[in-house]
């Protein structure tokens, strides 16, 4: 049953476009600054309340799962201790992006 939990967590992490964009951005091993993430809603000027809501929903969820490490003070995101569990799925999706009948990002 442990594998089921991991599979559910991986698919849950990938369920929201904002989280997928962030996770795909981490594939190249470079730390990501929250304010510089291209195409991620919290990098687009919007109301402060909306930005705070995005931070409180998506970033903590990925941080708590261990897929990312989020330095809240520096607003820097790096691969978390469990990123290796989601990385093969991200790579597979990324490699087959043109073949998929869905829009990933």
PDB file of N, CA and C in Angstrom:
ATOM      1  N   UNK A   1       0.803  -1.203   0.000  1.00  0.00           N
ATOM      2  CA  UNK A   1       0.000   0.000   0.000  1.00  0.00           C
ATOM      3  C   UNK A   1       0.848   1.270   0.000  1.00  0.00           C
ATOM      4  N   UNK A   2       2.115   1.161   0.391  1.00  0.00           N
ATOM      5  CA  UNK A   2       2.976   2.342   0.418  1.00  0.00           C
ATOM      6  C   UNK A   2       3.134   2.932  -0.971  1.00  0.00           C
ATOM      7  N   UNK A   3       3.222   2.090  -2.004  1.00  0.00           N
ATOM      8  CA  UNK A   3       3.334   2.565  -3.370  1.00  0.00           C
ATOM      9  C   UNK A   3       2.105   3.337  -3.812  1.00  0.00           C
ATOM     10  N   UNK A   4       0.929   2.903  -3.333  1.00  0.00           N
ATOM     11  CA  UNK A   4      -0.312   3.600  -3.648  1.00  0.00           C
ATOM     12  C   UNK A   4      -0.298   5.021  -3.117  1.00  0.00           C
ATOM     13  N   UNK A   5       0.178   5.171  -1.895  1.00  0.00           N
ATOM     14  CA  UNK A   5       0.239   6.507  -1.300  1.00  0.00           C
ATOM     15  C   UNK A   5       1.150   7.413  -2.118  1.00  0.00           C
ATOM     16  N   UNK A   6       2.306   6.904  -2.499  1.00  0.00           N
ATOM     17  CA  UNK A   6       3.239   7.693  -3.296  1.00  0.00           C
ATOM     18  C   UNK A   6       2.631   8.053  -4.640  1.00  0.00           C
ATOM     19  N   UNK A   7       1.989   7.087  -5.298  1.00  0.00           N
ATOM     20  CA  UNK A   7       1.358   7.348  -6.591  1.00  0.00           C
ATOM     21  C   UNK A   7       0.282   8.411  -6.457  1.00  0.00           C
ATOM     22  N   UNK A   8      -0.550   8.312  -5.443  1.00  0.00           N
ATOM     23  CA  UNK A   8      -1.600   9.305  -5.215  1.00  0.00           C
ATOM     24  C   UNK A   8      -0.993  10.683  -4.959  1.00  0.00           C
ATOM     25  N   UNK A   9       0.075  10.741  -4.185  1.00  0.00           N
ATOM     26  CA  UNK A   9       0.721  12.022  -3.892  1.00  0.00           C
ATOM     27  C   UNK A   9       1.324  12.643  -5.148  1.00  0.00           C
ATOM     28  N   UNK A  10       1.926  11.812  -6.004  1.00  0.00           N
ATOM     29  CA  UNK A  10       2.513  12.315  -7.251  1.00  0.00           C
ATOM     30  C   UNK A  10       1.421  12.911  -8.131  1.00  0.00           C
ATOM     31  N   UNK A  11       0.335  12.171  -8.313  1.00  0.00           N
ATOM     32  CA  UNK A  11      -0.739  12.679  -9.165  1.00  0.00           C
ATOM     33  C   UNK A  11      -1.443  13.882  -8.546  1.00  0.00           C
ATOM     34  N   UNK A  12      -1.550  13.915  -7.243  1.00  0.00           N
ATOM     35  CA  UNK A  12      -2.125  15.079  -6.575  1.00  0.00           C
ATOM     36  C   UNK A  12      -1.235  16.304  -6.786  1.00  0.00           C
ATOM     37  N   UNK A  13       0.073  16.126  -6.681  1.00  0.00           N
ATOM     38  CA  UNK A  13       1.008  17.240  -6.898  1.00  0.00           C
ATOM     39  C   UNK A  13       0.907  17.767  -8.321  1.00  0.00           C
ATOM     40  N   UNK A  14       0.640  16.883  -9.279  1.00  0.00           N
ATOM     41  CA  UNK A  14       0.567  17.268 -10.686  1.00  0.00           C
ATOM     42  C   UNK A  14      -0.827  17.729 -11.116  1.00  0.00           C
ATOM     43  N   UNK A  15      -1.791  17.685 -10.213  1.00  0.00           N
ATOM     44  CA  UNK A  15      -3.179  17.987 -10.564  1.00  0.00           C
ATOM     45  C   UNK A  15      -3.417  19.457 -10.901  1.00  0.00           C
ATOM     46  N   UNK A  16      -2.637  20.359 -10.359  1.00  0.00           N
ATOM     47  CA  UNK A  16      -2.826  21.790 -10.610  1.00  0.00           C
ATOM     48  C   UNK A  16      -1.728  22.307 -11.533  1.00  0.00           C
ATOM     49  N   UNK A  17      -2.118  23.101 -12.515  1.00  0.00           N
ATOM     50  CA  UNK A  17      -1.164  23.649 -13.488  1.00  0.00           C
ATOM     51  C   UNK A  17      -0.045  24.435 -12.801  1.00  0.00           C
ATOM     52  N   UNK A  18      -0.370  25.178 -11.757  1.00  0.00           N
ATOM     53  CA  UNK A  18       0.645  25.964 -11.059  1.00  0.00           C
ATOM     54  C   UNK A  18       1.719  25.068 -10.473  1.00  0.00           C
ATOM     55  N   UNK A  19       1.306  23.960  -9.884  1.00  0.00           N
ATOM     56  CA  UNK A  19       2.275  23.039  -9.296  1.00  0.00           C
ATOM     57  C   UNK A  19       3.089  22.343 -10.382  1.00  0.00           C
ATOM     58  N   UNK A  20       2.430  21.964 -11.487  1.00  0.00           N
ATOM     59  CA  UNK A  20       3.171  21.332 -12.597  1.00  0.00           C
ATOM     60  C   UNK A  20       4.240  22.268 -13.132  1.00  0.00           C
ATOM     61  N   UNK A  21       3.902  23.522 -13.336  1.00  0.00           N
ATOM     62  CA  UNK A  21       4.879  24.489 -13.858  1.00  0.00           C
ATOM     63  C   UNK A  21       6.092  24.590 -12.944  1.00  0.00           C
ATOM     64  N   UNK A  22       5.842  24.653 -11.673  1.00  0.00           N
ATOM     65  CA  UNK A  22       6.931  24.751 -10.707  1.00  0.00           C
ATOM     66  C   UNK A  22       7.796  23.500 -10.737  1.00  0.00           C
ATOM     67  N   UNK A  23       7.182  22.347 -10.729  1.00  0.00           N
ATOM     68  CA  UNK A  23       7.934  21.087 -10.728  1.00  0.00           C
ATOM     69  C   UNK A  23       8.723  20.907 -12.019  1.00  0.00           C
ATOM     70  N   UNK A  24       8.125  21.257 -13.162  1.00  0.00           N
ATOM     71  CA  UNK A  24       8.861  21.183 -14.426  1.00  0.00           C
ATOM     72  C   UNK A  24      10.051  22.145 -14.415  1.00  0.00           C
ATOM     73  N   UNK A  25       9.886  23.307 -13.809  1.00  0.00           N
ATOM     74  CA  UNK A  25      10.978  24.286 -13.743  1.00  0.00           C
ATOM     75  C   UNK A  25      12.161  23.738 -12.949  1.00  0.00           C
ATOM     76  N   UNK A  26      11.908  22.856 -12.004  1.00  0.00           N
ATOM     77  CA  UNK A  26      12.980  22.295 -11.179  1.00  0.00           C
ATOM     78  C   UNK A  26      13.738  21.148 -11.860  1.00  0.00           C
ATOM     79  N   UNK A  27      13.254  20.674 -12.997  1.00  0.00           N
ATOM     80  CA  UNK A  27      13.924  19.565 -13.676  1.00  0.00           C
ATOM     81  C   UNK A  27      15.375  19.875 -14.025  1.00  0.00           C
ATOM     82  N   UNK A  28      15.689  21.146 -14.269  1.00  0.00           N
ATOM     83  CA  UNK A  28      17.061  21.497 -14.659  1.00  0.00           C
ATOM     84  C   UNK A  28      17.989  21.698 -13.467  1.00  0.00           C
ATOM     85  N   UNK A  29      17.542  21.365 -12.260  1.00  0.00           N
ATOM     86  CA  UNK A  29      18.331  21.449 -11.024  1.00  0.00           C
ATOM     87  C   UNK A  29      18.577  22.854 -10.497  1.00  0.00           C
ATOM     88  N   UNK A  30      18.167  23.873 -11.211  1.00  0.00           N
ATOM     89  CA  UNK A  30      18.422  25.233 -10.761  1.00  0.00           C
ATOM     90  C   UNK A  30      17.385  25.655  -9.717  1.00  0.00           C
ATOM     91  N   UNK A  31      17.844  26.302  -8.647  1.00  0.00           N
ATOM     92  CA  UNK A  31      16.878  26.859  -7.692  1.00  0.00           C
ATOM     93  C   UNK A  31      15.977  27.865  -8.409  1.00  0.00           C
ATOM     94  N   UNK A  32      14.744  27.943  -7.996  1.00  0.00           N
ATOM     95  CA  UNK A  32      13.781  28.852  -8.603  1.00  0.00           C
ATOM     96  C   UNK A  32      13.376  29.910  -7.588  1.00  0.00           C
ATOM     97  N   UNK A  33      13.404  31.163  -8.024  1.00  0.00           N
ATOM     98  CA  UNK A  33      12.920  32.255  -7.182  1.00  0.00           C
ATOM     99  C   UNK A  33      11.430  32.404  -7.459  1.00  0.00           C
ATOM    100  N   UNK A  34      10.641  32.408  -6.423  1.00  0.00           N
ATOM    101  CA  UNK A  34       9.189  32.446  -6.567  1.00  0.00           C
ATOM    102  C   UNK A  34       8.755  33.604  -7.455  1.00  0.00           C
ATOM    103  N   UNK A  35       9.360  34.762  -7.299  1.00  0.00           N
ATOM    104  CA  UNK A  35       8.932  35.939  -8.049  1.00  0.00           C
ATOM    105  C   UNK A  35       9.381  35.907  -9.503  1.00  0.00           C
ATOM    106  N   UNK A  36      10.248  34.967  -9.882  1.00  0.00           N
ATOM    107  CA  UNK A  36      10.772  34.920 -11.248  1.00  0.00           C
ATOM    108  C   UNK A  36      10.281  33.726 -12.044  1.00  0.00           C
ATOM    109  N   UNK A  37       9.404  32.926 -11.493  1.00  0.00           N
ATOM    110  CA  UNK A  37       8.935  31.738 -12.189  1.00  0.00           C
ATOM    111  C   UNK A  37       8.086  32.132 -13.389  1.00  0.00           C
ATOM    112  N   UNK A  38       8.602  31.902 -14.556  1.00  0.00           N
ATOM    113  CA  UNK A  38       7.918  32.239 -15.795  1.00  0.00           C
ATOM    114  C   UNK A  38       6.659  31.410 -15.960  1.00  0.00           C
ATOM    115  N   UNK A  39       5.554  32.082 -16.219  1.00  0.00           N
ATOM    116  CA  UNK A  39       4.316  31.372 -16.491  1.00  0.00           C
ATOM    117  C   UNK A  39       3.583  30.851 -15.274  1.00  0.00           C
ATOM    118  N   UNK A  40       4.112  31.078 -14.101  1.00  0.00           N
ATOM    119  CA  UNK A  40       3.436  30.640 -12.885  1.00  0.00           C
ATOM    120  C   UNK A  40       2.651  31.827 -12.337  1.00  0.00           C
ATOM    121  N   UNK A  41       1.376  31.653 -12.042  1.00  0.00           N
ATOM    122  CA  UNK A  41       0.520  32.775 -11.675  1.00  0.00           C
ATOM    123  C   UNK A  41       1.057  33.708 -10.609  1.00  0.00           C
ATOM    124  N   UNK A  42       1.825  33.196  -9.625  1.00  0.00           N
ATOM    125  CA  UNK A  42       2.264  34.116  -8.579  1.00  0.00           C
ATOM    126  C   UNK A  42       3.377  35.040  -9.076  1.00  0.00           C
ATOM    127  N   UNK A  43       3.885  34.831 -10.298  1.00  0.00           N
ATOM    128  CA  UNK A  43       4.888  35.738 -10.844  1.00  0.00           C
ATOM    129  C   UNK A  43       4.241  36.829 -11.687  1.00  0.00           C
ATOM    130  N   UNK A  44       2.941  36.722 -11.930  1.00  0.00           N
ATOM    131  CA  UNK A  44       2.221  37.703 -12.727  1.00  0.00           C
ATOM    132  C   UNK A  44       1.590  38.707 -11.778  1.00  0.00           C
ATOM    133  N   UNK A  45       1.751  40.012 -12.073  1.00  0.00           N
ATOM    134  CA  UNK A  45       1.149  40.999 -11.175  1.00  0.00           C
ATOM    135  C   UNK A  45      -0.352  40.749 -11.015  1.00  0.00           C
ATOM    136  N   UNK A  46      -0.775  40.629  -9.794  1.00  0.00           N
ATOM    137  CA  UNK A  46      -2.184  40.436  -9.482  1.00  0.00           C
ATOM    138  C   UNK A  46      -2.408  40.979  -8.078  1.00  0.00           C
ATOM    139  N   UNK A  47      -3.596  40.920  -7.612  1.00  0.00           N
ATOM    140  CA  UNK A  47      -3.865  41.473  -6.295  1.00  0.00           C
ATOM    141  C   UNK A  47      -3.059  40.732  -5.231  1.00  0.00           C
ATOM    142  N   UNK A  48      -2.719  41.431  -4.196  1.00  0.00           N
ATOM    143  CA  UNK A  48      -1.937  40.836  -3.113  1.00  0.00           C
ATOM    144  C   UNK A  48      -2.674  39.647  -2.499  1.00  0.00           C
ATOM    145  N   UNK A  49      -3.985  39.745  -2.372  1.00  0.00           N
ATOM    146  CA  UNK A  49      -4.771  38.658  -1.786  1.00  0.00           C
ATOM    147  C   UNK A  49      -4.677  37.401  -2.642  1.00  0.00           C
ATOM    148  N   UNK A  50      -4.735  37.550  -3.973  1.00  0.00           N
ATOM    149  CA  UNK A  50      -4.635  36.391  -4.867  1.00  0.00           C
ATOM    150  C   UNK A  50      -3.251  35.770  -4.769  1.00  0.00           C
ATOM    151  N   UNK A  51      -2.221  36.584  -4.733  1.00  0.00           N
ATOM    152  CA  UNK A  51      -0.853  36.087  -4.642  1.00  0.00           C
ATOM    153  C   UNK A  51      -0.649  35.310  -3.346  1.00  0.00           C
ATOM    154  N   UNK A  52      -1.148  35.862  -2.256  1.00  0.00           N
ATOM    155  CA  UNK A  52      -1.024  35.193  -0.959  1.00  0.00           C
ATOM    156  C   UNK A  52      -1.773  33.862  -0.994  1.00  0.00           C
ATOM    157  N   UNK A  53      -2.938  33.829  -1.616  1.00  0.00           N
ATOM    158  CA  UNK A  53      -3.713  32.581  -1.706  1.00  0.00           C
ATOM    159  C   UNK A  53      -2.939  31.518  -2.475  1.00  0.00           C
ATOM    160  N   UNK A  54      -2.286  31.896  -3.569  1.00  0.00           N
ATOM    161  CA  UNK A  54      -1.497  30.936  -4.343  1.00  0.00           C
ATOM    162  C   UNK A  54      -0.364  30.369  -3.492  1.00  0.00           C
ATOM    163  N   UNK A  55       0.325  31.243  -2.760  1.00  0.00           N
ATOM    164  CA  UNK A  55       1.415  30.785  -1.903  1.00  0.00           C
ATOM    165  C   UNK A  55       0.913  29.825  -0.839  1.00  0.00           C
ATOM    166  N   UNK A  56      -0.227  30.121  -0.250  1.00  0.00           N
ATOM    167  CA  UNK A  56      -0.732  29.310   0.853  1.00  0.00           C
ATOM    168  C   UNK A  56      -1.332  27.994   0.391  1.00  0.00           C
ATOM    169  N   UNK A  57      -1.632  27.881  -0.868  1.00  0.00           N
ATOM    170  CA  UNK A  57      -2.228  26.651  -1.371  1.00  0.00           C
ATOM    171  C   UNK A  57      -1.194  25.743  -2.027  1.00  0.00           C
ATOM    172  N   UNK A  58      -0.459  26.240  -2.994  1.00  0.00           N
ATOM    173  CA  UNK A  58       0.385  25.381  -3.813  1.00  0.00           C
ATOM    174  C   UNK A  58       1.785  25.159  -3.257  1.00  0.00           C
ATOM    175  N   UNK A  59       2.446  26.214  -2.857  1.00  0.00           N
ATOM    176  CA  UNK A  59       3.811  26.056  -2.358  1.00  0.00           C
ATOM    177  C   UNK A  59       3.866  25.228  -1.082  1.00  0.00           C
ATOM    178  N   UNK A  60       3.015  25.490  -0.090  1.00  0.00           N
ATOM    179  CA  UNK A  60       3.061  24.647   1.117  1.00  0.00           C
ATOM    180  C   UNK A  60       2.724  23.184   0.824  1.00  0.00           C
ATOM    181  N   UNK A  61       1.801  22.955  -0.095  1.00  0.00           N
ATOM    182  CA  UNK A  61       1.414  21.579  -0.421  1.00  0.00           C
ATOM    183  C   UNK A  61       2.620  20.807  -0.957  1.00  0.00           C
ATOM    184  N   UNK A  62       3.361  21.404  -1.877  1.00  0.00           N
ATOM    185  CA  UNK A  62       4.541  20.741  -2.439  1.00  0.00           C
ATOM    186  C   UNK A  62       5.663  20.635  -1.416  1.00  0.00           C
ATOM    187  N   UNK A  63       5.793  21.649  -0.572  1.00  0.00           N
ATOM    188  CA  UNK A  63       6.819  21.642   0.469  1.00  0.00           C
ATOM    189  C   UNK A  63       6.529  20.544   1.493  1.00  0.00           C
ATOM    190  N   UNK A  64       5.277  20.460   1.927  1.00  0.00           N
ATOM    191  CA  UNK A  64       4.896  19.448   2.917  1.00  0.00           C
ATOM    192  C   UNK A  64       5.035  18.029   2.365  1.00  0.00           C
ATOM    193  N   UNK A  65       4.839  17.869   1.061  1.00  0.00           N
ATOM    194  CA  UNK A  65       4.969  16.542   0.449  1.00  0.00           C
ATOM    195  C   UNK A  65       6.432  16.128   0.331  1.00  0.00           C
ATOM    196  N   UNK A  66       7.336  17.106   0.415  1.00  0.00           N
ATOM    197  CA  UNK A  66       8.759  16.812   0.270  1.00  0.00           C
ATOM    198  C   UNK A  66       9.244  16.880  -1.164  1.00  0.00           C
ATOM    199  N   UNK A  67       8.356  17.238  -2.104  1.00  0.00           N
ATOM    200  CA  UNK A  67       8.768  17.345  -3.498  1.00  0.00           C
ATOM    201  C   UNK A  67       9.600  18.604  -3.743  1.00  0.00           C
ATOM    202  N   UNK A  68       9.385  19.634  -2.933  1.00  0.00           N
ATOM    203  CA  UNK A  68      10.200  20.850  -3.012  1.00  0.00           C
ATOM    204  C   UNK A  68      10.665  21.232  -1.616  1.00  0.00           C
ATOM    205  N   UNK A  69      11.693  22.044  -1.562  1.00  0.00           N
ATOM    206  CA  UNK A  69      12.086  22.748  -0.347  1.00  0.00           C
ATOM    207  C   UNK A  69      11.854  24.218  -0.638  1.00  0.00           C
ATOM    208  N   UNK A  70      11.046  24.850   0.197  1.00  0.00           N
ATOM    209  CA  UNK A  70      10.686  26.250  -0.005  1.00  0.00           C
ATOM    210  C   UNK A  70      11.273  27.077   1.129  1.00  0.00           C
ATOM    211  N   UNK A  71      12.247  27.918   0.794  1.00  0.00           N
ATOM    212  CA  UNK A  71      12.815  28.860   1.752  1.00  0.00           C
ATOM    213  C   UNK A  71      11.927  30.098   1.715  1.00  0.00           C
ATOM    214  N   UNK A  72      11.021  30.192   2.681  1.00  0.00           N
ATOM    215  CA  UNK A  72      10.037  31.276   2.694  1.00  0.00           C
ATOM    216  C   UNK A  72      10.687  32.648   2.838  1.00  0.00           C
ATOM    217  N   UNK A  73      11.757  32.717   3.598  1.00  0.00           N
ATOM    218  CA  UNK A  73      12.420  34.002   3.813  1.00  0.00           C
ATOM    219  C   UNK A  73      13.068  34.518   2.526  1.00  0.00           C
ATOM    220  N   UNK A  74      13.775  33.644   1.828  1.00  0.00           N
ATOM    221  CA  UNK A  74      14.469  34.029   0.593  1.00  0.00           C
ATOM    222  C   UNK A  74      13.573  33.887  -0.639  1.00  0.00           C
ATOM    223  N   UNK A  75      12.412  33.228  -0.473  1.00  0.00           N
ATOM    224  CA  UNK A  75      11.492  32.944  -1.569  1.00  0.00           C
ATOM    225  C   UNK A  75      12.177  32.159  -2.693  1.00  0.00           C
ATOM    226  N   UNK A  76      12.958  31.151  -2.285  1.00  0.00           N
ATOM    227  CA  UNK A  76      13.678  30.287  -3.217  1.00  0.00           C
ATOM    228  C   UNK A  76      13.168  28.865  -3.045  1.00  0.00           C
ATOM    229  N   UNK A  77      12.979  28.194  -4.179  1.00  0.00           N
ATOM    230  CA  UNK A  77      12.486  26.827  -4.181  1.00  0.00           C
ATOM    231  C   UNK A  77      13.538  25.936  -4.835  1.00  0.00           C
ATOM    232  N   UNK A  78      13.826  24.813  -4.180  1.00  0.00           N
ATOM    233  CA  UNK A  78      14.758  23.828  -4.721  1.00  0.00           C
ATOM    234  C   UNK A  78      14.091  22.453  -4.647  1.00  0.00           C
ATOM    235  N   UNK A  79      14.735  21.474  -5.253  1.00  0.00           N
ATOM    236  CA  UNK A  79      14.218  20.108  -5.188  1.00  0.00           C
ATOM    237  C   UNK A  79      14.200  19.651  -3.738  1.00  0.00           C
ATOM    238  N   UNK A  80      13.108  19.005  -3.364  1.00  0.00           N
ATOM    239  CA  UNK A  80      12.978  18.493  -2.010  1.00  0.00           C
ATOM    240  C   UNK A  80      13.526  17.075  -1.897  1.00  0.00           C
ATOM    241  N   UNK A  81      13.504  16.523  -0.692  1.00  0.00           N
ATOM    242  CA  UNK A  81      14.065  15.187  -0.452  1.00  0.00           C
ATOM    243  C   UNK A  81      13.320  14.070  -1.184  1.00  0.00           C
ATOM    244  N   UNK A  82      12.084  14.324  -1.604  1.00  0.00           N
ATOM    245  CA  UNK A  82      11.300  13.307  -2.322  1.00  0.00           C
ATOM    246  C   UNK A  82      11.140  13.633  -3.810  1.00  0.00           C
ATOM    247  N   UNK A  83      11.882  14.628  -4.304  1.00  0.00           N
ATOM    248  CA  UNK A  83      11.749  15.001  -5.715  1.00  0.00           C
ATOM    249  C   UNK A  83      12.046  13.822  -6.633  1.00  0.00           C
ATOM    250  N   UNK A  84      12.950  12.953  -6.210  1.00  0.00           N
ATOM    251  CA  UNK A  84      13.306  11.798  -7.042  1.00  0.00           C
ATOM    252  C   UNK A  84      12.120  10.864  -7.285  1.00  0.00           C
ATOM    253  N   UNK A  85      11.075  10.936  -6.447  1.00  0.00           N
ATOM    254  CA  UNK A  85       9.887  10.118  -6.640  1.00  0.00           C
ATOM    255  C   UNK A  85       8.987  10.658  -7.746  1.00  0.00           C
ATOM    256  N   UNK A  86       9.039  11.959  -7.976  1.00  0.00           N
ATOM    257  CA  UNK A  86       8.178  12.581  -8.987  1.00  0.00           C
ATOM    258  C   UNK A  86       8.946  12.875 -10.275  1.00  0.00           C
ATOM    259  N   UNK A  87      10.267  12.922 -10.188  1.00  0.00           N
ATOM    260  CA  UNK A  87      11.097  13.287 -11.342  1.00  0.00           C
ATOM    261  C   UNK A  87      10.893  12.372 -12.553  1.00  0.00           C
ATOM    262  N   UNK A  88      10.837  11.030 -12.396  1.00  0.00           N
ATOM    263  CA  UNK A  88      10.627  10.180 -13.580  1.00  0.00           C
ATOM    264  C   UNK A  88       9.301  10.471 -14.290  1.00  0.00           C
ATOM    265  N   UNK A  89       8.275  10.782 -13.533  1.00  0.00           N
ATOM    266  CA  UNK A  89       6.975  11.112 -14.129  1.00  0.00           C
ATOM    267  C   UNK A  89       7.078  12.426 -14.891  1.00  0.00           C
ATOM    268  N   UNK A  90       7.728  13.419 -14.295  1.00  0.00           N
ATOM    269  CA  UNK A  90       7.915  14.711 -14.959  1.00  0.00           C
ATOM    270  C   UNK A  90       8.710  14.546 -16.250  1.00  0.00           C
ATOM    271  N   UNK A  91       9.791  13.761 -16.187  1.00  0.00           N
ATOM    272  CA  UNK A  91      10.620  13.551 -17.374  1.00  0.00           C
ATOM    273  C   UNK A  91       9.841  12.834 -18.472  1.00  0.00           C
ATOM    274  N   UNK A  92       9.063  11.835 -18.098  1.00  0.00           N
ATOM    275  CA  UNK A  92       8.248  11.100 -19.065  1.00  0.00           C
ATOM    276  C   UNK A  92       7.242  12.040 -19.733  1.00  0.00           C
ATOM    277  N   UNK A  93       6.541  12.817 -18.939  1.00  0.00           N
ATOM    278  CA  UNK A  93       5.567  13.768 -19.486  1.00  0.00           C
ATOM    279  C   UNK A  93       6.261  14.799 -20.375  1.00  0.00           C
ATOM    280  N   UNK A  94       7.385  15.299 -19.914  1.00  0.00           N
ATOM    281  CA  UNK A  94       8.112  16.308 -20.673  1.00  0.00           C
ATOM    282  C   UNK A  94       8.616  15.743 -22.009  1.00  0.00           C
ATOM    283  N   UNK A  95       9.143  14.532 -21.979  1.00  0.00           N
ATOM    284  CA  UNK A  95       9.664  13.902 -23.193  1.00  0.00           C
ATOM    285  C   UNK A  95       8.568  13.609 -24.215  1.00  0.00           C
ATOM    286  N   UNK A  96       7.354  13.388 -23.750  1.00  0.00           N
ATOM    287  CA  UNK A  96       6.252  13.023 -24.639  1.00  0.00           C
ATOM    288  C   UNK A  96       5.218  14.133 -24.788  1.00  0.00           C
ATOM    289  N   UNK A  97       5.593  15.326 -24.433  1.00  0.00           N
ATOM    290  CA  UNK A  97       4.688  16.476 -24.447  1.00  0.00           C
ATOM    291  C   UNK A  97       3.944  16.621 -25.767  1.00  0.00           C
ATOM    292  N   UNK A  98       4.657  16.460 -26.890  1.00  0.00           N
ATOM    293  CA  UNK A  98       4.028  16.634 -28.217  1.00  0.00           C
ATOM    294  C   UNK A  98       3.070  15.509 -28.565  1.00  0.00           C
ATOM    295  N   UNK A  99       3.186  14.380 -27.911  1.00  0.00           N
ATOM    296  CA  UNK A  99       2.333  13.226 -28.208  1.00  0.00           C
ATOM    297  C   UNK A  99       1.073  13.188 -27.357  1.00  0.00           C
ATOM    298  N   UNK A 100       1.062  13.954 -26.281  1.00  0.00           N
ATOM    299  CA  UNK A 100      -0.060  13.889 -25.345  1.00  0.00           C
ATOM    300  C   UNK A 100      -1.264  14.690 -25.868  1.00  0.00           C
ATOM    301  N   UNK A 101      -2.452  14.159 -25.645  1.00  0.00           N
ATOM    302  CA  UNK A 101      -3.660  14.854 -26.104  1.00  0.00           C
ATOM    303  C   UNK A 101      -4.103  15.962 -25.144  1.00  0.00           C
ATOM    304  N   UNK A 102      -3.280  16.233 -24.154  1.00  0.00           N
ATOM    305  CA  UNK A 102      -3.632  17.254 -23.149  1.00  0.00           C
ATOM    306  C   UNK A 102      -2.543  18.316 -23.088  1.00  0.00           C
ATOM    307  N   UNK A 103      -2.906  19.474 -22.600  1.00  0.00           N
ATOM    308  CA  UNK A 103      -1.964  20.568 -22.388  1.00  0.00           C
ATOM    309  C   UNK A 103      -1.412  20.435 -20.973  1.00  0.00           C
ATOM    310  N   UNK A 104      -0.088  20.289 -20.850  1.00  0.00           N
ATOM    311  CA  UNK A 104       0.500  20.086 -19.528  1.00  0.00           C
ATOM    312  C   UNK A 104       0.609  21.364 -18.716  1.00  0.00           C
ATOM    313  N   UNK A 105       0.853  22.452 -19.396  1.00  0.00           N
ATOM    314  CA  UNK A 105       1.104  23.689 -18.658  1.00  0.00           C
ATOM    315  C   UNK A 105       0.077  24.722 -18.918  1.00  0.00           C
TER     316      UNK A 105
END
